[in-house]
Amino acid sequence: MKETLTVIFANETTGEEMDLEIPLYITADELIRSLNKALMLGIDMDDMENCFLRTENPIALLRGDRLLKDFHLRTGTKICYAKAAEIAEIE
């Protein structure tokens, strides 16, 4: 079984998109912490209400201690980041 996956990461705050190869055997929280640090997203990791990423294809909300493989992500899945205030404006 393949242990990594190529996904599209979309930073909706800046409009940037990039392909990332991510391991499937890390938790959603580990992915969020890593992307937050590497891409300087500014996610407040102490505020669990706003500590998530959303995906398209399949639609999911990445958060918590579940392994990424349990979200049934696949090659080409789009992982999106937007600040909580921007999400509230969309709704």
N, C-alpha and C. Protein backbone atom coordinates (compact mmCIF):
# COMPACT_ATOMS: atom_id res chain seq x y z
N MET A 1 0.84 -1.18 0.00
CA MET A 1 0.00 0.00 0.00
C MET A 1 0.89 1.25 0.00
N LYS A 2 0.50 2.21 -0.79
CA LYS A 2 1.26 3.45 -0.89
C LYS A 2 1.13 4.23 0.42
N GLU A 3 2.24 4.78 0.89
CA GLU A 3 2.22 5.48 2.17
C GLU A 3 2.21 7.00 2.03
N THR A 4 2.28 7.51 0.79
CA THR A 4 2.20 8.95 0.57
C THR A 4 1.17 9.24 -0.51
N LEU A 5 0.82 10.50 -0.61
CA LEU A 5 -0.22 10.93 -1.53
C LEU A 5 0.14 12.32 -2.04
N THR A 6 -0.10 12.59 -3.31
CA THR A 6 0.12 13.93 -3.85
C THR A 6 -1.22 14.66 -3.87
N VAL A 7 -1.27 15.78 -3.17
CA VAL A 7 -2.49 16.58 -3.07
C VAL A 7 -2.21 18.00 -3.54
N ILE A 8 -3.27 18.75 -3.75
CA ILE A 8 -3.16 20.17 -4.08
C ILE A 8 -3.48 20.95 -2.82
N PHE A 9 -2.57 21.80 -2.39
CA PHE A 9 -2.82 22.66 -1.23
C PHE A 9 -3.16 24.05 -1.76
N ALA A 10 -4.33 24.54 -1.39
CA ALA A 10 -4.79 25.86 -1.83
C ALA A 10 -4.89 26.79 -0.63
N ASN A 11 -4.08 27.83 -0.64
CA ASN A 11 -4.16 28.87 0.39
C ASN A 11 -5.12 29.92 -0.14
N GLU A 12 -6.36 29.88 0.30
CA GLU A 12 -7.38 30.78 -0.22
C GLU A 12 -7.20 32.21 0.27
N THR A 13 -6.35 32.40 1.27
CA THR A 13 -6.05 33.74 1.76
C THR A 13 -5.16 34.48 0.76
N THR A 14 -4.18 33.76 0.20
CA THR A 14 -3.23 34.39 -0.72
C THR A 14 -3.49 34.04 -2.18
N GLY A 15 -4.32 33.04 -2.42
CA GLY A 15 -4.59 32.59 -3.79
C GLY A 15 -3.55 31.63 -4.34
N GLU A 16 -2.59 31.24 -3.51
CA GLU A 16 -1.53 30.32 -3.96
C GLU A 16 -2.01 28.88 -3.93
N GLU A 17 -1.54 28.09 -4.89
CA GLU A 17 -1.78 26.66 -4.91
C GLU A 17 -0.46 25.95 -5.17
N MET A 18 -0.29 24.79 -4.56
CA MET A 18 0.93 24.01 -4.77
C MET A 18 0.62 22.53 -4.58
N ASP A 19 1.39 21.70 -5.26
CA ASP A 19 1.30 20.26 -5.07
C ASP A 19 2.18 19.88 -3.90
N LEU A 20 1.65 19.01 -3.06
CA LEU A 20 2.40 18.52 -1.90
C LEU A 20 2.31 17.00 -1.84
N GLU A 21 3.40 16.37 -1.47
CA GLU A 21 3.37 14.95 -1.19
C GLU A 21 3.31 14.79 0.32
N ILE A 22 2.24 14.16 0.79
CA ILE A 22 2.03 14.04 2.23
C ILE A 22 1.94 12.56 2.63
N PRO A 23 2.42 12.22 3.82
CA PRO A 23 2.28 10.85 4.31
C PRO A 23 0.85 10.59 4.78
N LEU A 24 0.37 9.38 4.56
CA LEU A 24 -0.98 9.02 4.98
C LEU A 24 -1.06 8.60 6.44
N TYR A 25 0.09 8.29 7.04
CA TYR A 25 0.08 7.76 8.40
C TYR A 25 0.50 8.80 9.42
N ILE A 26 0.01 10.03 9.24
CA ILE A 26 0.12 11.08 10.26
C ILE A 26 -1.30 11.55 10.55
N THR A 27 -1.47 12.22 11.67
CA THR A 27 -2.81 12.69 12.02
C THR A 27 -3.10 14.02 11.32
N ALA A 28 -4.37 14.37 11.29
CA ALA A 28 -4.77 15.66 10.73
C ALA A 28 -4.09 16.79 11.48
N ASP A 29 -4.03 16.69 12.81
CA ASP A 29 -3.37 17.73 13.61
C ASP A 29 -1.89 17.86 13.25
N GLU A 30 -1.22 16.74 13.03
CA GLU A 30 0.19 16.79 12.65
C GLU A 30 0.37 17.48 11.30
N LEU A 31 -0.52 17.21 10.36
CA LEU A 31 -0.46 17.88 9.06
C LEU A 31 -0.68 19.37 9.21
N ILE A 32 -1.69 19.75 9.99
CA ILE A 32 -1.99 21.17 10.19
C ILE A 32 -0.81 21.88 10.84
N ARG A 33 -0.24 21.28 11.88
CA ARG A 33 0.92 21.89 12.55
C ARG A 33 2.09 22.05 11.58
N SER A 34 2.34 21.04 10.78
CA SER A 34 3.46 21.08 9.83
C SER A 34 3.26 22.15 8.77
N LEU A 35 2.06 22.20 8.18
CA LEU A 35 1.79 23.20 7.15
C LEU A 35 1.80 24.60 7.75
N ASN A 36 1.26 24.73 8.96
CA ASN A 36 1.24 26.03 9.63
C ASN A 36 2.66 26.56 9.81
N LYS A 37 3.55 25.68 10.23
CA LYS A 37 4.94 26.10 10.46
C LYS A 37 5.68 26.34 9.14
N ALA A 38 5.55 25.41 8.21
CA ALA A 38 6.31 25.50 6.95
C ALA A 38 5.85 26.65 6.06
N LEU A 39 4.54 26.90 6.04
CA LEU A 39 3.99 27.92 5.13
C LEU A 39 3.60 29.20 5.85
N MET A 40 3.89 29.25 7.15
CA MET A 40 3.58 30.43 7.97
C MET A 40 2.12 30.89 7.77
N LEU A 41 1.19 29.95 8.01
CA LEU A 41 -0.23 30.23 7.79
C LEU A 41 -0.83 31.10 8.89
N GLY A 42 -0.26 31.06 10.07
CA GLY A 42 -0.78 31.87 11.16
C GLY A 42 -1.97 31.24 11.86
N ILE A 43 -2.10 29.92 11.79
CA ILE A 43 -3.19 29.23 12.49
C ILE A 43 -2.88 29.20 13.97
N ASP A 44 -3.83 29.62 14.80
CA ASP A 44 -3.67 29.59 16.25
C ASP A 44 -3.94 28.16 16.71
N MET A 45 -2.88 27.41 16.99
CA MET A 45 -3.01 26.00 17.35
C MET A 45 -3.63 25.81 18.73
N ASP A 46 -3.75 26.87 19.51
CA ASP A 46 -4.39 26.77 20.82
C ASP A 46 -5.91 26.92 20.72
N ASP A 47 -6.40 27.41 19.60
CA ASP A 47 -7.83 27.62 19.38
C ASP A 47 -8.35 26.48 18.50
N MET A 48 -8.77 25.38 19.12
CA MET A 48 -9.15 24.19 18.39
C MET A 48 -10.37 24.40 17.49
N GLU A 49 -11.19 25.41 17.77
CA GLU A 49 -12.33 25.71 16.90
C GLU A 49 -11.89 26.12 15.51
N ASN A 50 -10.73 26.75 15.41
CA ASN A 50 -10.24 27.24 14.12
C ASN A 50 -9.04 26.47 13.61
N CYS A 51 -8.82 25.30 14.17
CA CYS A 51 -7.66 24.49 13.82
C CYS A 51 -8.11 23.33 12.92
N PHE A 52 -8.32 23.63 11.64
CA PHE A 52 -8.78 22.62 10.70
C PHE A 52 -8.43 23.04 9.28
N LEU A 53 -8.49 22.09 8.38
CA LEU A 53 -8.38 22.32 6.94
C LEU A 53 -9.56 21.61 6.30
N ARG A 54 -10.05 22.12 5.20
CA ARG A 54 -11.15 21.43 4.52
C ARG A 54 -10.63 20.86 3.22
N THR A 55 -11.29 19.82 2.74
CA THR A 55 -10.86 19.18 1.51
C THR A 55 -12.00 19.14 0.50
N GLU A 56 -11.60 19.04 -0.76
CA GLU A 56 -12.53 18.81 -1.86
C GLU A 56 -12.06 17.56 -2.58
N ASN A 57 -12.99 16.70 -2.90
CA ASN A 57 -12.73 15.47 -3.66
C ASN A 57 -11.84 14.50 -2.89
N PRO A 58 -12.30 13.95 -1.79
CA PRO A 58 -13.63 14.02 -1.20
C PRO A 58 -13.79 15.23 -0.27
N ILE A 59 -15.04 15.58 -0.02
CA ILE A 59 -15.34 16.68 0.90
C ILE A 59 -15.15 16.17 2.32
N ALA A 60 -14.33 16.87 3.08
CA ALA A 60 -14.07 16.48 4.47
C ALA A 60 -13.52 17.68 5.23
N LEU A 61 -13.56 17.56 6.53
CA LEU A 61 -12.96 18.56 7.42
C LEU A 61 -11.83 17.85 8.16
N LEU A 62 -10.59 18.25 7.89
CA LEU A 62 -9.43 17.62 8.53
C LEU A 62 -9.19 18.27 9.87
N ARG A 63 -9.32 17.50 10.92
CA ARG A 63 -9.02 17.98 12.27
C ARG A 63 -8.91 16.78 13.20
N GLY A 64 -8.21 16.98 14.28
CA GLY A 64 -8.16 15.95 15.32
C GLY A 64 -7.07 14.92 15.13
N ASP A 65 -7.24 13.81 15.84
CA ASP A 65 -6.22 12.77 15.93
C ASP A 65 -6.43 11.61 14.96
N ARG A 66 -7.32 11.76 14.01
CA ARG A 66 -7.52 10.70 13.01
C ARG A 66 -6.38 10.72 12.00
N LEU A 67 -5.97 9.55 11.56
CA LEU A 67 -4.95 9.45 10.52
C LEU A 67 -5.52 9.96 9.20
N LEU A 68 -4.66 10.53 8.38
CA LEU A 68 -5.11 11.04 7.08
C LEU A 68 -5.71 9.94 6.22
N LYS A 69 -5.19 8.71 6.32
CA LYS A 69 -5.73 7.61 5.52
C LYS A 69 -7.20 7.35 5.85
N ASP A 70 -7.62 7.68 7.06
CA ASP A 70 -9.01 7.45 7.48
C ASP A 70 -9.98 8.46 6.87
N PHE A 71 -9.47 9.52 6.27
CA PHE A 71 -10.33 10.50 5.60
C PHE A 71 -10.58 10.12 4.14
N HIS A 72 -9.97 9.03 3.67
CA HIS A 72 -10.12 8.52 2.30
C HIS A 72 -9.69 9.54 1.25
N LEU A 73 -8.60 10.25 1.56
CA LEU A 73 -8.03 11.19 0.60
C LEU A 73 -7.42 10.39 -0.55
N ARG A 74 -7.29 11.02 -1.70
CA ARG A 74 -6.69 10.35 -2.85
C ARG A 74 -5.84 11.35 -3.64
N THR A 75 -5.05 10.84 -4.56
CA THR A 75 -4.23 11.71 -5.39
C THR A 75 -5.14 12.73 -6.08
N GLY A 76 -4.75 14.00 -5.98
CA GLY A 76 -5.55 15.07 -6.58
C GLY A 76 -6.53 15.72 -5.62
N THR A 77 -6.66 15.19 -4.40
CA THR A 77 -7.51 15.84 -3.41
C THR A 77 -7.00 17.26 -3.19
N LYS A 78 -7.93 18.20 -3.08
CA LYS A 78 -7.56 19.59 -2.83
C LYS A 78 -7.76 19.88 -1.34
N ILE A 79 -6.69 20.31 -0.68
CA ILE A 79 -6.75 20.70 0.73
C ILE A 79 -6.73 22.22 0.77
N CYS A 80 -7.77 22.80 1.37
CA CYS A 80 -7.94 24.26 1.34
C CYS A 80 -7.77 24.87 2.72
N TYR A 81 -7.11 26.02 2.73
CA TYR A 81 -6.95 26.79 3.96
C TYR A 81 -7.50 28.19 3.73
N ALA A 82 -8.32 28.64 4.66
CA ALA A 82 -8.79 30.03 4.70
C ALA A 82 -8.91 30.41 6.16
N LYS A 83 -8.65 31.65 6.47
CA LYS A 83 -8.80 32.11 7.85
C LYS A 83 -10.26 32.01 8.25
N ALA A 84 -10.52 31.78 9.53
CA ALA A 84 -11.89 31.58 10.02
C ALA A 84 -12.79 32.75 9.66
N ALA A 85 -12.29 33.98 9.71
CA ALA A 85 -13.10 35.15 9.38
C ALA A 85 -13.54 35.12 7.92
N GLU A 86 -12.67 34.62 7.04
CA GLU A 86 -13.01 34.53 5.62
C GLU A 86 -14.07 33.46 5.39
N ILE A 87 -14.02 32.37 6.14
CA ILE A 87 -15.02 31.32 6.01
C ILE A 87 -16.37 31.85 6.46
N ALA A 88 -16.41 32.61 7.53
CA ALA A 88 -17.66 33.18 8.03
C ALA A 88 -18.29 34.09 6.98
N GLU A 89 -17.48 34.82 6.21
CA GLU A 89 -18.00 35.70 5.17
C GLU A 89 -18.63 34.90 4.04
N ILE A 90 -18.10 33.73 3.74
CA ILE A 90 -18.62 32.88 2.68
C ILE A 90 -20.00 32.36 3.05
N GLU A 91 -20.17 31.98 4.32
CA GLU A 91 -21.45 31.42 4.76
C GLU A 91 -22.47 32.51 4.76
